[in-house]
Amino acid sequence: MDEEDPSRSVVAVNPNLESSLLLVPIALGLCIYIFTFCSQRVKGRLFGQSLYTSIRWKESELRGVQHTHMSLFTLLGFDTFTAIFGIMYMAFVLRDVCQREALGCLIISKMWMAFRRLSLSQHLITALVAVLFLYRPKWASGIRLVGKCLDAPPFILVIVTVRLFPGVIVAVDVFNLLLMVSIAVVCLKQAQTRMAKQRRLLGVLAAVTYVLVCLPNAVLDCLLLKSHDYLPLAFDVFCITNFYFVLDALLFYLVLKINVEEEEPQYEAAIREV
């Protein structure tokens, strides 16, 4: 890939339309997050307890569904940073700041794209951790470790993806594909139970996110690696597919909604089978 020209960050064709496509999903996603915490206050407090326990380095005290909460927190964090950098970049474009401060605008746009990639990967990681837990509750501790290991590569890649190294971009796209395949395999192995239907719902949501958001972005990655001429198209697609904020919020709702009281007997029964 050629050395990036700072002026390449100015790719908005219709700023007013694109700002709407960017901001409306963020607002809708925020509403769903607020609704989730307001409608599930008990689960919200449990989520807070899980976070507090992890911060104190006492993750061994986590029980049952709490093992999925750290992935939710990471997803929420990535979405927050993606929204912040996306809004900053759009504000720069609307106020023509990019014409005067091209380098600063380029940095903001790259940070937006980097955290956007992280959010998409984390959506699939969170879905995989949730369906794995619901599939084999006795794997709870191991699933927590799986989630932490899967969280590590995106954190490490956040710096290098800002520079958009071709190898890293391809690695992220392949990583997302492997996550989606893993989710599909686990969901297809479910027994026909009510909880299995809930797990499949998580799988369907992950599949929708991959097909409608991750896959188009992967195609654009291939095009951008060949030529910068596709930047305007890429910016349009990034804005149009920004509805993934709503999908992230829905995933957060579904995972947080997992009934602790119903899962706990399954968890205990699974432990006794070992």
Protein backbone atom coordinates (compact mmCIF):
# COMPACT_ATOMS: atom_id res chain seq x y z
CA MET A 1 0.00 0.00 0.00
CA ASP A 2 1.36 3.44 -0.91
CA GLU A 3 2.32 5.97 1.74
CA GLU A 4 -0.83 7.67 2.92
CA ASP A 5 -1.46 11.27 1.95
CA PRO A 6 -3.14 13.26 4.75
CA SER A 7 -5.54 14.78 2.24
CA ARG A 8 -6.88 11.29 1.56
CA SER A 9 -8.89 11.46 4.79
CA VAL A 10 -11.33 13.93 3.22
CA VAL A 11 -13.67 11.55 1.47
CA ALA A 12 -17.16 12.74 2.39
CA VAL A 13 -19.30 13.32 -0.70
CA ASN A 14 -22.58 14.30 0.97
CA PRO A 15 -21.61 15.35 4.53
CA ASN A 16 -25.17 16.04 5.72
CA LEU A 17 -26.50 12.64 4.63
CA GLU A 18 -23.44 10.80 5.85
CA SER A 19 -23.53 12.56 9.23
CA SER A 20 -27.13 11.39 9.63
CA LEU A 21 -26.16 7.82 8.71
CA LEU A 22 -23.40 8.04 11.29
CA LEU A 23 -25.23 9.71 14.16
CA VAL A 24 -28.70 8.12 14.01
CA PRO A 25 -27.48 4.53 14.68
CA ILE A 26 -25.29 5.81 17.52
CA ALA A 27 -28.31 7.51 19.08
CA LEU A 28 -30.48 4.40 18.62
CA GLY A 29 -27.78 2.17 20.07
CA LEU A 30 -27.44 4.49 23.07
CA CYS A 31 -31.20 4.30 23.62
CA ILE A 32 -31.06 0.49 23.60
CA TYR A 33 -28.17 0.49 26.08
CA ILE A 34 -30.12 2.81 28.39
CA PHE A 35 -33.27 0.69 27.99
CA THR A 36 -31.24 -2.44 28.80
CA PHE A 37 -29.96 -1.09 32.10
CA CYS A 38 -33.31 0.45 33.03
CA SER A 39 -35.36 -2.66 32.23
CA GLN A 40 -32.87 -5.11 33.72
CA ARG A 41 -31.71 -3.38 36.86
CA VAL A 42 -30.92 -6.61 38.71
CA LYS A 43 -28.83 -7.87 35.78
CA GLY A 44 -27.25 -4.43 35.51
CA ARG A 45 -26.17 -4.58 39.14
CA LEU A 46 -24.79 -8.07 38.55
CA PHE A 47 -22.87 -6.70 35.57
CA GLY A 48 -21.45 -3.97 37.80
CA GLN A 49 -20.47 -6.54 40.42
CA SER A 50 -18.71 -8.63 37.75
CA LEU A 51 -16.75 -5.59 36.62
CA TYR A 52 -15.83 -4.64 40.20
CA THR A 53 -14.72 -8.21 40.95
CA SER A 54 -12.51 -8.30 37.84
CA ILE A 55 -10.97 -4.93 38.65
CA ARG A 56 -9.98 -6.30 42.06
CA TRP A 57 -8.27 -9.27 40.32
CA LYS A 58 -10.65 -11.74 41.96
CA GLU A 59 -12.06 -13.31 38.83
CA SER A 60 -12.13 -16.69 40.54
CA GLU A 61 -15.16 -15.39 42.44
CA LEU A 62 -17.19 -14.97 39.26
CA ARG A 63 -20.09 -17.39 38.97
CA GLY A 64 -22.09 -18.70 36.03
CA VAL A 65 -23.19 -16.03 33.58
CA GLN A 66 -20.80 -13.49 35.12
CA HIS A 67 -18.06 -15.07 33.03
CA THR A 68 -19.59 -13.42 29.94
CA HIS A 69 -19.71 -9.92 31.40
CA MET A 70 -16.12 -8.88 30.74
CA SER A 71 -16.63 -9.36 27.00
CA LEU A 72 -19.71 -7.14 27.29
CA PHE A 73 -17.67 -4.46 29.04
CA THR A 74 -15.00 -4.59 26.31
CA LEU A 75 -17.71 -4.31 23.64
CA LEU A 76 -19.22 -1.31 25.40
CA GLY A 77 -15.80 0.33 25.64
CA PHE A 78 -14.97 -0.17 21.97
CA ASP A 79 -18.37 1.17 20.93
CA THR A 80 -17.80 4.25 23.08
CA PHE A 81 -14.43 5.03 21.51
CA THR A 82 -15.75 4.31 18.02
CA ALA A 83 -18.63 6.73 18.55
CA ILE A 84 -16.32 9.43 19.94
CA PHE A 85 -13.82 9.27 17.07
CA GLY A 86 -16.58 8.92 14.47
CA ILE A 87 -18.39 12.02 15.75
CA MET A 88 -15.10 13.95 15.94
CA TYR A 89 -14.21 13.05 12.36
CA MET A 90 -17.64 13.96 11.03
CA ALA A 91 -17.49 17.27 12.91
CA PHE A 92 -14.13 17.98 11.27
CA VAL A 93 -15.57 17.22 7.83
CA LEU A 94 -18.69 19.34 8.34
CA ARG A 95 -16.62 22.32 9.53
CA ASP A 96 -14.00 21.88 6.77
CA VAL A 97 -11.29 21.38 9.39
CA CYS A 98 -9.76 18.65 7.24
CA GLN A 99 -8.89 21.22 4.59
CA ARG A 100 -6.75 23.13 7.12
CA GLU A 101 -5.56 20.33 9.43
CA ALA A 102 -5.23 17.39 7.07
CA LEU A 103 -2.80 15.43 9.25
CA GLY A 104 -4.94 15.77 12.39
CA CYS A 105 -8.02 14.76 10.42
CA LEU A 106 -6.18 11.73 9.06
CA ILE A 107 -5.21 10.60 12.55
CA ILE A 108 -8.79 10.92 13.81
CA SER A 109 -10.14 9.02 10.80
CA LYS A 110 -7.63 6.20 11.29
CA MET A 111 -8.48 5.95 14.99
CA TRP A 112 -12.17 5.78 14.05
CA MET A 113 -11.52 3.01 11.54
CA ALA A 114 -9.28 1.12 14.00
CA PHE A 115 -11.82 1.13 16.84
CA ARG A 116 -14.55 0.32 14.36
CA ARG A 117 -12.64 -2.86 13.43
CA LEU A 118 -12.20 -3.68 17.09
CA SER A 119 -15.92 -3.25 17.76
CA LEU A 120 -16.85 -5.62 14.95
CA SER A 121 -14.38 -8.26 16.15
CA GLN A 122 -15.53 -7.82 19.74
CA HIS A 123 -19.16 -8.31 18.71
CA LEU A 124 -18.26 -11.77 17.39
CA ILE A 125 -16.04 -12.53 20.40
CA THR A 126 -18.86 -11.64 22.79
CA ALA A 127 -21.35 -13.78 20.87
CA LEU A 128 -18.93 -16.73 20.85
CA VAL A 129 -18.24 -16.46 24.59
CA ALA A 130 -22.00 -16.31 25.31
CA VAL A 131 -22.98 -19.30 23.15
CA LEU A 132 -20.06 -21.33 24.49
CA PHE A 133 -21.17 -20.65 28.06
CA LEU A 134 -24.76 -21.55 27.27
CA TYR A 135 -23.64 -24.66 25.42
CA ARG A 136 -21.29 -25.98 28.11
CA PRO A 137 -21.75 -24.18 31.46
CA LYS A 138 -19.14 -26.45 33.03
CA TRP A 139 -16.59 -24.73 30.82
CA ALA A 140 -17.30 -21.43 32.57
CA SER A 141 -13.77 -20.77 33.84
CA GLY A 142 -12.21 -21.91 30.58
CA ILE A 143 -14.62 -19.76 28.60
CA ARG A 144 -13.53 -16.74 30.62
CA LEU A 145 -9.93 -17.48 29.63
CA VAL A 146 -10.99 -17.94 26.00
CA GLY A 147 -12.66 -14.55 26.10
CA LYS A 148 -9.55 -12.92 27.57
CA CYS A 149 -7.29 -14.53 24.96
CA LEU A 150 -9.58 -13.46 22.13
CA ASP A 151 -9.72 -9.94 23.56
CA ALA A 152 -5.93 -9.69 23.54
CA PRO A 153 -5.28 -9.68 19.75
CA PRO A 154 -7.67 -6.77 19.05
CA PHE A 155 -6.09 -4.71 21.84
CA ILE A 156 -2.64 -5.36 20.42
CA LEU A 157 -3.79 -4.65 16.86
CA VAL A 158 -5.39 -1.29 17.71
CA ILE A 159 -2.05 0.50 17.23
CA VAL A 160 -0.95 -1.21 14.03
CA THR A 161 -4.37 -1.03 12.38
CA VAL A 162 -4.15 2.75 12.53
CA ARG A 163 -1.42 2.44 9.90
CA LEU A 164 -3.49 -0.10 7.95
CA PHE A 165 -0.71 -2.57 7.27
CA PRO A 166 -2.04 -4.99 4.61
CA GLY A 167 -1.06 -8.10 6.54
CA VAL A 168 -2.83 -6.90 9.68
CA ILE A 169 -6.00 -6.03 7.77
CA VAL A 170 -6.15 -9.48 6.21
CA ALA A 171 -5.42 -11.08 9.60
CA VAL A 172 -8.34 -9.21 11.20
CA ASP A 173 -10.72 -10.23 8.41
CA VAL A 174 -9.64 -13.89 8.69
CA PHE A 175 -9.94 -13.69 12.48
CA ASN A 176 -13.56 -12.48 12.12
CA LEU A 177 -14.33 -15.29 9.67
CA LEU A 178 -12.97 -17.91 12.09
CA LEU A 179 -15.04 -16.41 14.90
CA MET A 180 -18.20 -16.61 12.78
CA VAL A 181 -17.50 -20.20 11.79
CA SER A 182 -16.94 -21.11 15.46
CA ILE A 183 -20.24 -19.49 16.47
CA ALA A 184 -22.08 -21.36 13.70
CA VAL A 185 -20.56 -24.71 14.69
CA VAL A 186 -21.49 -24.27 18.37
CA CYS A 187 -25.02 -23.12 17.57
CA LEU A 188 -25.67 -26.03 15.20
CA LYS A 189 -24.73 -28.49 17.95
CA GLN A 190 -27.39 -27.21 20.33
CA ALA A 191 -30.17 -29.49 21.58
CA GLN A 192 -33.78 -28.48 20.92
CA THR A 193 -34.45 -26.64 24.17
CA ARG A 194 -35.75 -23.22 25.03
CA MET A 195 -32.29 -22.06 26.04
CA ALA A 196 -30.89 -23.46 22.79
CA LYS A 197 -33.27 -21.20 20.89
CA GLN A 198 -31.89 -18.24 22.80
CA ARG A 199 -28.36 -19.29 21.88
CA ARG A 200 -29.35 -19.60 18.24
CA LEU A 201 -30.79 -16.11 18.45
CA LEU A 202 -27.35 -14.91 19.50
CA GLY A 203 -25.90 -16.84 16.57
CA VAL A 204 -28.36 -15.29 14.12
CA LEU A 205 -27.52 -11.81 15.40
CA ALA A 206 -23.81 -12.52 14.98
CA ALA A 207 -24.43 -13.86 11.46
CA VAL A 208 -26.40 -10.74 10.51
CA THR A 209 -23.56 -8.58 11.80
CA TYR A 210 -20.98 -10.56 9.85
CA VAL A 211 -22.89 -10.71 6.55
CA LEU A 212 -24.18 -7.11 6.55
CA VAL A 213 -21.22 -5.36 8.17
CA CYS A 214 -18.04 -7.44 8.45
CA LEU A 215 -18.21 -8.97 4.97
CA PRO A 216 -18.72 -5.66 3.08
CA ASN A 217 -15.87 -4.17 5.09
CA ALA A 218 -13.64 -7.12 4.22
CA VAL A 219 -14.38 -6.59 0.51
CA LEU A 220 -13.56 -2.90 0.86
CA ASP A 221 -10.33 -3.78 2.64
CA CYS A 222 -9.25 -5.74 -0.43
CA LEU A 223 -10.17 -2.83 -2.72
CA LEU A 224 -8.40 -0.25 -0.55
CA LEU A 225 -5.25 -2.33 -0.50
CA LYS A 226 -5.15 -1.96 -4.28
CA SER A 227 -6.03 1.71 -4.62
CA HIS A 228 -6.93 4.80 -2.59
CA ASP A 229 -9.52 5.63 -5.26
CA TYR A 230 -12.06 3.55 -3.33
CA LEU A 231 -11.88 5.79 -0.23
CA PRO A 232 -15.09 7.72 -1.05
CA LEU A 233 -16.94 4.42 -1.53
CA ALA A 234 -15.42 3.08 1.68
CA PHE A 235 -16.53 6.13 3.64
CA ASP A 236 -20.09 5.77 2.31
CA VAL A 237 -20.16 2.08 3.25
CA PHE A 238 -18.74 2.81 6.71
CA CYS A 239 -21.53 5.32 7.31
CA ILE A 240 -24.27 3.07 5.89
CA THR A 241 -23.13 0.05 7.92
CA ASN A 242 -22.88 2.14 11.07
CA PHE A 243 -26.18 0.50 12.09
CA TYR A 244 -23.95 -2.15 13.69
CA PHE A 245 -24.17 0.09 16.80
CA VAL A 246 -27.77 -1.05 17.06
CA LEU A 247 -26.71 -4.69 16.59
CA ASP A 248 -24.07 -4.32 19.32
CA ALA A 249 -26.65 -2.88 21.68
CA LEU A 250 -29.06 -5.73 20.89
CA LEU A 251 -26.30 -8.27 21.58
CA PHE A 252 -25.57 -6.56 24.88
CA TYR A 253 -29.27 -6.79 25.75
CA LEU A 254 -29.54 -10.49 24.85
CA VAL A 255 -26.39 -11.54 26.72
CA LEU A 256 -27.27 -9.51 29.80
CA LYS A 257 -30.77 -11.00 29.69
CA ILE A 258 -29.50 -14.56 30.21
CA ASN A 259 -31.50 -15.80 33.17
CA VAL A 260 -29.11 -16.50 36.02
CA GLU A 261 -31.72 -18.44 37.99
CA GLU A 262 -32.43 -20.77 35.05
CA GLU A 263 -28.80 -21.25 34.10
CA GLU A 264 -27.52 -21.92 37.64
CA PRO A 265 -29.15 -25.39 37.97
CA GLN A 266 -27.70 -26.33 34.55
CA TYR A 267 -24.32 -25.03 35.71
CA GLU A 268 -24.40 -27.10 38.90
CA ALA A 269 -25.63 -30.22 37.06
CA ALA A 270 -22.86 -29.88 34.49
CA ILE A 271 -20.26 -29.57 37.22
CA ARG A 272 -21.48 -32.82 38.81
CA GLU A 273 -21.06 -34.58 35.46
CA VAL A 274 -17.34 -33.90 35.44
